[in-house]
C-alpha cells in the first residue's frame, strides 16, 4: 500500500494511505522517486512559515524527482515514462511578469507545490505538465531530487554573468553554496574562492572546483569580479560585498532573519557595485540546471547523507534542523 505524509497542523502529522489522483486537462501524474527536505519544510512543520505561504492540512515536498506515469487531456502522451523534475511555483501564465518569463514574480498571488498545493512526500504527485522539465533517460533520479535547490542557484549563476577567466567567489558552504561552486567552476574562472564558517567543507569545495577555501574570520581579499552569497546569515551579504573589486557584481540568494546587517549604500555607490537578488527559480533557470546536470557538470550526490522511507518523516525533519555537521541533504523515499 502506498502512503503519503500529511501535516495536519504545525507539529502534527500522519502517514496515511495514498490514492493516486487522476491528472486533469493539462496535468501530469508523476511517480515520485525521491523528495528532499529543506529548511522551509521544517518551518512548515514547526508553524514558522509566514501566513499566506502555507495551507494546512498539507502534503509537503517541493524538491523531488520521478517518472511520469499518466497524463491528462492536451498533454503529449510521449511524456509518459520519462524521468522528470518540476517547478514549484504555480504561476498564472497570463500576467505581465509571467509573459516576461519571470514566473516567480507572478502577480496573481502565491501558490506553490508542497506549501499551498499537495507536494511530493507521497507515492505520486499531480501537477500542471507545463511545470515539468524532462531529464535524460540515463539520469540518476536520486541525484535529480536536488535539482530544485540547484535551479535556484542556476538563477543566481545566470544573474552573475561570470565570464571565463574572471575571479569569482562563493560565500556559504551549505547545499546552495556547494551548487554555486559547481556552476561557477563550469564557467572556467581564473580563481574560485569559497568562504565559509567551518573547515570541514574545504575538501568538498575543492572537489567541486574551488581553487581556495577560507574561513570568514581570516583576512579576505577585496578584488573579486563576481560573488554569489548563499549563507543567509545576518552578516553574509556584507562579507560578500567586501570581497568585490570596484564595479564588481554581487548576487544575493540567502534569506537572513529580520534584523540582519544591511549593505552600506555609501559603499555600494562609491564602489559602484552591482547587486542582484534571487528568490526561487524561473523556467530559464530550471532549464539551465537540467542542462548542466545532464552534461555531467553538476554532481549533487556527494551532498546527500541520508535516505530514509517516508515513514521516518518526523525523525528526518529533526535531523535537518539540529545543526549536526554530519547531516547534509536528507532524502525521503516513498
Protein backbone atom coordinates (compact mmCIF):
# COMPACT_ATOMS: atom_id res chain seq x y z
CA UNK A 1 0.00 0.00 0.00
CA UNK A 2 1.46 3.38 -0.98
CA UNK A 3 1.47 6.21 1.54
CA UNK A 4 1.74 9.99 1.95
CA UNK A 5 2.79 12.38 4.70
CA UNK A 6 0.08 14.82 5.79
CA UNK A 7 0.93 17.69 8.14
CA UNK A 8 -2.44 18.37 9.78
CA UNK A 9 -1.24 21.48 11.64
CA UNK A 10 2.12 22.72 12.98
CA UNK A 11 3.81 19.86 14.86
CA UNK A 12 1.15 17.31 13.94
CA UNK A 13 1.47 14.84 11.09
CA UNK A 14 0.23 11.44 9.95
CA UNK A 15 1.42 8.93 7.39
CA UNK A 16 -1.75 7.98 5.54
CA UNK A 17 -2.66 5.58 2.71
CA UNK A 18 -2.23 7.33 -0.64
CA UNK A 19 -4.66 7.00 -3.52
CA UNK A 20 -3.09 8.29 -6.78
CA UNK A 21 -5.10 11.16 -8.27
CA UNK A 22 -6.15 11.27 -11.91
CA UNK A 23 -4.47 14.03 -13.94
CA UNK A 24 -6.97 16.55 -15.34
CA UNK A 25 -6.62 18.52 -18.59
CA UNK A 26 -3.13 19.94 -18.90
CA UNK A 27 -1.85 17.90 -15.94
CA UNK A 28 0.57 15.02 -15.47
CA UNK A 29 0.94 12.45 -12.69
CA UNK A 30 4.44 11.63 -11.52
CA UNK A 31 5.50 8.52 -9.61
CA UNK A 32 7.81 10.10 -7.03
CA UNK A 33 11.30 8.59 -6.77
CA UNK A 34 12.81 10.79 -4.05
CA UNK A 35 11.97 14.02 -2.24
CA UNK A 36 14.38 16.31 -0.41
CA UNK A 37 13.80 18.02 2.94
CA UNK A 38 14.62 21.72 3.04
CA UNK A 39 14.71 24.28 5.86
CA UNK A 40 11.39 25.63 4.62
CA UNK A 41 9.81 22.17 5.15
CA UNK A 42 10.98 22.40 8.76
CA UNK A 43 9.38 25.87 9.01
CA UNK A 44 6.15 24.42 7.63
CA UNK A 45 6.21 21.60 10.20
CA UNK A 46 7.01 23.92 13.11
CA UNK A 47 4.48 26.57 12.05
CA UNK A 48 7.08 29.29 11.41
CA UNK A 49 6.20 29.93 7.79
CA UNK A 50 4.58 33.35 7.16
CA UNK A 51 0.81 33.45 6.76
CA UNK A 52 -0.26 33.08 3.15
CA UNK A 53 2.74 30.91 2.34
CA UNK A 54 1.32 27.66 3.71
CA UNK A 55 -2.10 25.99 3.82
CA UNK A 56 -2.84 23.17 6.28
CA UNK A 57 -3.57 20.25 6.14
CA UNK A 58 -0.88 19.63 3.58
CA UNK A 59 1.39 17.04 1.99
CA UNK A 60 4.81 18.78 1.91
CA UNK A 61 7.62 18.24 -0.58
CA UNK A 62 8.87 20.70 -3.21
CA UNK A 63 12.28 19.15 -4.04
CA UNK A 64 11.60 15.95 -5.94
CA UNK A 65 12.27 13.70 -8.92
CA UNK A 66 10.21 10.98 -10.54
CA UNK A 67 8.77 9.34 -13.63
CA UNK A 68 5.59 10.44 -15.44
CA UNK A 69 3.05 7.62 -15.28
CA UNK A 70 -0.11 9.29 -16.62
CA UNK A 71 -1.14 12.48 -18.43
CA UNK A 72 -4.40 14.35 -18.83
CA UNK A 73 -6.08 15.74 -21.93
CA UNK A 74 -3.95 18.08 -24.00
CA UNK A 75 -0.63 16.77 -22.69
CA UNK A 76 1.75 14.91 -25.05
CA UNK A 77 1.46 11.16 -24.44
CA UNK A 78 5.22 10.91 -25.12
CA UNK A 79 5.82 12.28 -21.61
CA UNK A 80 4.65 9.01 -20.06
CA UNK A 81 7.66 7.01 -18.88
CA UNK A 82 10.03 9.99 -18.93
CA UNK A 83 12.19 10.96 -15.95
CA UNK A 84 11.31 14.46 -14.76
CA UNK A 85 11.71 17.19 -12.19
CA UNK A 86 9.29 20.08 -11.85
CA UNK A 87 8.93 23.72 -10.92
CA UNK A 88 7.13 24.54 -7.69
CA UNK A 89 5.60 27.95 -8.35
CA UNK A 90 2.06 27.55 -9.74
CA UNK A 91 2.20 30.77 -11.75
CA UNK A 92 -0.85 32.10 -13.65
CA UNK A 93 0.80 32.33 -17.12
CA UNK A 94 -1.24 35.40 -18.11
CA UNK A 95 0.11 38.37 -16.11
CA UNK A 96 2.86 40.66 -17.44
CA UNK A 97 5.57 39.08 -15.25
CA UNK A 98 4.66 35.56 -16.40
CA UNK A 99 4.72 36.68 -20.05
CA UNK A 100 8.21 38.08 -19.41
CA UNK A 101 9.26 34.64 -18.12
CA UNK A 102 9.58 36.00 -14.56
CA UNK A 103 7.22 33.43 -13.09
CA UNK A 104 8.49 33.82 -9.52
CA UNK A 105 7.14 37.40 -9.68
CA UNK A 106 3.64 36.30 -10.81
CA UNK A 107 1.15 38.97 -9.73
CA UNK A 108 -1.78 36.57 -9.31
CA UNK A 109 -0.76 35.53 -5.78
CA UNK A 110 1.36 32.80 -4.26
CA UNK A 111 0.72 29.10 -4.92
CA UNK A 112 3.50 26.53 -4.60
CA UNK A 113 3.73 22.74 -4.65
CA UNK A 114 4.35 21.43 -1.14
CA UNK A 115 3.27 24.64 0.61
CA UNK A 116 -0.20 25.60 -0.60
CA UNK A 117 -0.74 22.71 -3.04
CA UNK A 118 -0.11 18.98 -2.39
CA UNK A 119 3.60 18.14 -2.52
CA UNK A 120 5.79 15.16 -3.29
CA UNK A 121 6.01 13.42 0.11
CA UNK A 122 3.66 10.83 -1.36
CA UNK A 123 3.81 7.97 -3.85
CA UNK A 124 2.52 10.20 -6.64
CA UNK A 125 2.17 13.90 -7.42
CA UNK A 126 -0.25 15.57 -9.87
CA UNK A 127 0.79 18.95 -11.28
CA UNK A 128 0.46 21.10 -14.41
CA UNK A 129 2.51 19.41 -17.12
CA UNK A 130 3.93 22.80 -18.23
CA UNK A 131 5.98 22.83 -14.99
CA UNK A 132 7.85 19.63 -15.86
CA UNK A 133 11.46 19.51 -17.07
CA UNK A 134 12.41 16.27 -18.80
CA UNK A 135 15.70 14.63 -17.81
CA UNK A 136 17.99 12.43 -19.94
CA UNK A 137 16.92 8.78 -19.93
CA UNK A 138 20.11 7.77 -18.09
CA UNK A 139 19.75 10.43 -15.38
CA UNK A 140 20.26 9.40 -11.74
CA UNK A 141 16.86 10.15 -10.20
CA UNK A 142 18.23 10.21 -6.65
CA UNK A 143 20.67 12.97 -7.59
CA UNK A 144 17.96 14.74 -9.59
CA UNK A 145 15.85 15.22 -6.45
CA UNK A 146 18.29 18.05 -5.63
CA UNK A 147 17.63 19.96 -8.85
CA UNK A 148 15.15 22.32 -7.16
CA UNK A 149 17.80 23.97 -4.95
CA UNK A 150 20.19 23.69 -7.90
CA UNK A 151 17.71 25.64 -10.06
CA UNK A 152 17.64 28.48 -7.50
CA UNK A 153 21.43 28.68 -7.78
CA UNK A 154 21.23 28.36 -11.57
CA UNK A 155 19.17 31.58 -11.39
CA UNK A 156 21.99 33.18 -9.38
CA UNK A 157 24.61 31.91 -11.86
CA UNK A 158 22.66 33.41 -14.78
CA UNK A 159 22.45 36.78 -12.98
CA UNK A 160 26.12 36.60 -12.01
CA UNK A 161 27.13 36.61 -15.71
CA UNK A 162 30.64 35.47 -14.79
CA UNK A 163 32.99 35.40 -17.78
CA UNK A 164 35.69 32.76 -18.30
CA UNK A 165 38.91 33.91 -16.68
CA UNK A 166 37.23 36.14 -14.10
CA UNK A 167 37.87 35.85 -10.36
CA UNK A 168 34.74 34.59 -8.62
CA UNK A 169 33.78 33.70 -5.06
CA UNK A 170 31.02 31.98 -3.09
CA UNK A 171 30.05 32.90 0.48
CA UNK A 172 28.31 30.00 2.24
CA UNK A 173 29.03 26.26 2.23
CA UNK A 174 25.60 24.64 2.58
CA UNK A 175 23.80 22.82 -0.24
CA UNK A 176 23.28 26.08 -2.15
CA UNK A 177 26.89 27.16 -1.71
CA UNK A 178 28.20 23.84 -3.00
CA UNK A 179 25.94 24.14 -6.05
CA UNK A 180 27.17 27.69 -6.63
CA UNK A 181 30.76 26.40 -6.66
CA UNK A 182 29.85 23.84 -9.33
CA UNK A 183 28.01 26.33 -11.56
CA UNK A 184 30.84 28.86 -11.34
CA UNK A 185 33.51 26.18 -11.89
CA UNK A 186 31.72 25.15 -15.10
CA UNK A 187 32.40 28.68 -16.46
CA UNK A 188 36.21 28.34 -16.25
CA UNK A 189 37.09 31.10 -13.76
CA UNK A 190 40.71 32.11 -13.18
CA UNK A 191 40.14 31.79 -9.45
CA UNK A 192 37.24 30.40 -7.39
CA UNK A 193 37.29 31.21 -3.69
CA UNK A 194 34.87 29.69 -1.16
CA UNK A 195 34.34 31.49 2.14
CA UNK A 196 32.73 29.52 4.96
CA UNK A 197 32.49 29.16 8.73
CA UNK A 198 33.68 25.56 9.03
CA UNK A 199 36.84 23.91 7.78
CA UNK A 200 35.24 20.56 7.00
CA UNK A 201 33.67 21.95 3.80
CA UNK A 202 37.11 22.79 2.38
CA UNK A 203 37.72 19.37 0.81
CA UNK A 204 34.25 19.19 -0.79
CA UNK A 205 34.63 22.78 -2.08
CA UNK A 206 37.87 21.80 -3.80
CA UNK A 207 36.31 18.58 -5.11
CA UNK A 208 33.64 20.72 -6.79
CA UNK A 209 36.20 23.06 -8.37
CA UNK A 210 37.21 25.70 -5.81
CA UNK A 211 40.81 26.93 -6.06
CA UNK A 212 40.87 28.31 -2.49
CA UNK A 213 38.91 28.00 0.76
CA UNK A 214 39.00 30.49 3.62
CA UNK A 215 37.16 30.98 6.88
CA UNK A 216 35.21 34.20 7.35
CA UNK A 217 37.42 35.02 10.35
CA UNK A 218 40.55 35.19 8.15
CA UNK A 219 41.84 38.21 6.24
CA UNK A 220 39.90 38.17 2.98
CA UNK A 221 40.75 39.69 -0.42
CA UNK A 222 38.81 42.61 -1.91
CA UNK A 223 39.37 42.31 -5.65
CA UNK A 224 36.92 39.71 -6.98
CA UNK A 225 34.78 40.31 -10.08
CA UNK A 226 31.70 38.31 -9.05
CA UNK A 227 30.47 36.98 -5.69
CA UNK A 228 27.43 34.75 -5.05
CA UNK A 229 26.15 34.80 -1.44
CA UNK A 230 24.24 31.71 -0.25
CA UNK A 231 24.74 31.74 3.52
CA UNK A 232 21.70 33.73 4.63
CA UNK A 233 23.39 34.73 7.89
CA UNK A 234 22.95 38.21 9.35
CA UNK A 235 26.29 39.47 8.07
CA UNK A 236 26.88 37.29 4.97
CA UNK A 237 25.84 39.99 2.48
CA UNK A 238 28.37 42.44 3.93
CA UNK A 239 31.11 39.82 3.85
CA UNK A 240 30.25 39.05 0.23
CA UNK A 241 30.28 42.75 -0.75
CA UNK A 242 33.66 43.23 0.93
CA UNK A 243 35.21 40.64 -1.42
CA UNK A 244 34.37 42.65 -4.55
CA UNK A 245 36.53 44.97 -6.59
CA UNK A 246 35.11 48.38 -7.52
CA UNK A 247 32.34 47.81 -10.07
CA UNK A 248 32.00 44.14 -9.11
CA UNK A 249 28.76 42.17 -9.17
CA UNK A 250 27.07 40.69 -6.07
CA UNK A 251 24.27 38.11 -6.25
CA UNK A 252 22.32 37.54 -3.01
CA UNK A 253 20.32 34.34 -2.51
CA UNK A 254 20.27 33.93 1.29
CA UNK A 255 17.29 34.85 3.43
CA UNK A 256 18.59 36.07 6.81
CA UNK A 257 16.28 36.57 9.77
CA UNK A 258 14.89 40.05 10.38
CA UNK A 259 17.43 42.48 11.80
CA UNK A 260 20.32 41.44 9.57
CA UNK A 261 23.12 43.92 8.95
CA UNK A 262 22.24 45.68 5.70
CA UNK A 263 24.58 46.56 2.88
CA UNK A 264 26.05 50.04 3.25
CA UNK A 265 24.51 52.22 0.49
CA UNK A 266 27.50 54.59 0.60
CA UNK A 267 29.81 51.65 -0.06
CA UNK A 268 27.58 50.44 -2.92
CA UNK A 269 27.56 53.88 -4.57
CA UNK A 270 31.22 54.81 -4.04
CA UNK A 271 32.44 51.41 -5.27
CA UNK A 272 29.71 51.27 -7.96
CA UNK A 273 28.77 47.73 -7.00
CA UNK A 274 26.01 45.94 -8.89
CA UNK A 275 23.61 43.96 -6.68
CA UNK A 276 21.29 41.23 -7.98
CA UNK A 277 18.91 39.09 -5.93
CA UNK A 278 17.30 35.70 -6.44
CA UNK A 279 14.17 34.20 -4.86
CA UNK A 280 13.12 30.89 -6.36
CA UNK A 281 13.79 29.82 -9.94
CA UNK A 282 12.11 30.87 -13.18
CA UNK A 283 11.82 28.44 -16.14
CA UNK A 284 15.10 29.57 -17.74
CA UNK A 285 16.98 28.79 -14.52
CA UNK A 286 15.35 25.35 -14.28
CA UNK A 287 16.28 24.63 -17.89
CA UNK A 288 19.86 25.77 -17.18
CA UNK A 289 20.12 23.50 -14.11
CA UNK A 290 18.76 20.48 -16.00
CA UNK A 291 21.14 21.13 -18.91
CA UNK A 292 24.20 21.48 -16.69
CA UNK A 293 23.17 18.34 -14.75
CA UNK A 294 22.60 16.42 -17.98
CA UNK A 295 26.04 17.46 -19.23
CA UNK A 296 27.66 15.95 -16.12
CA UNK A 297 28.86 19.33 -14.79
CA UNK A 298 26.69 19.18 -11.67
CA UNK A 299 27.08 16.32 -9.16
CA UNK A 300 24.54 16.53 -6.32
CA UNK A 301 25.22 13.07 -4.84
CA UNK A 302 28.14 14.00 -2.52
CA UNK A 303 25.70 16.35 -0.76
CA UNK A 304 23.26 13.53 0.14
CA UNK A 305 23.99 11.98 3.54
CA UNK A 306 20.67 10.30 4.44
CA UNK A 307 17.97 8.41 2.51
CA UNK A 308 15.04 7.11 4.57
CA UNK A 309 11.44 5.99 3.93
CA UNK A 310 8.52 8.44 4.20
CA UNK A 311 7.51 6.85 7.50
CA UNK A 312 10.59 8.44 9.14
CA UNK A 313 9.48 11.98 8.21
CA UNK A 314 9.41 13.35 11.80
CA UNK A 315 12.87 11.94 12.55
CA UNK A 316 14.28 13.32 9.29
CA UNK A 317 12.84 16.79 9.93
CA UNK A 318 14.70 16.83 13.26
CA UNK A 319 18.00 15.95 11.55
CA UNK A 320 17.63 18.85 9.13
CA UNK A 321 17.39 21.46 11.87
CA UNK A 322 19.69 20.02 14.52
CA UNK A 323 22.90 21.64 13.26
CA UNK A 324 24.78 18.32 13.14
CA UNK A 325 27.62 18.80 10.69
CA UNK A 326 27.35 15.17 9.59
CA UNK A 327 23.87 15.82 8.22
CA UNK A 328 23.86 17.08 4.64
CA UNK A 329 20.92 16.64 2.33
CA UNK A 330 18.20 14.29 3.61
CA UNK A 331 16.01 12.47 1.08
CA UNK A 332 12.76 10.63 1.72
CA UNK A 333 11.92 7.66 -0.49
CA UNK A 334 8.17 6.95 -0.99
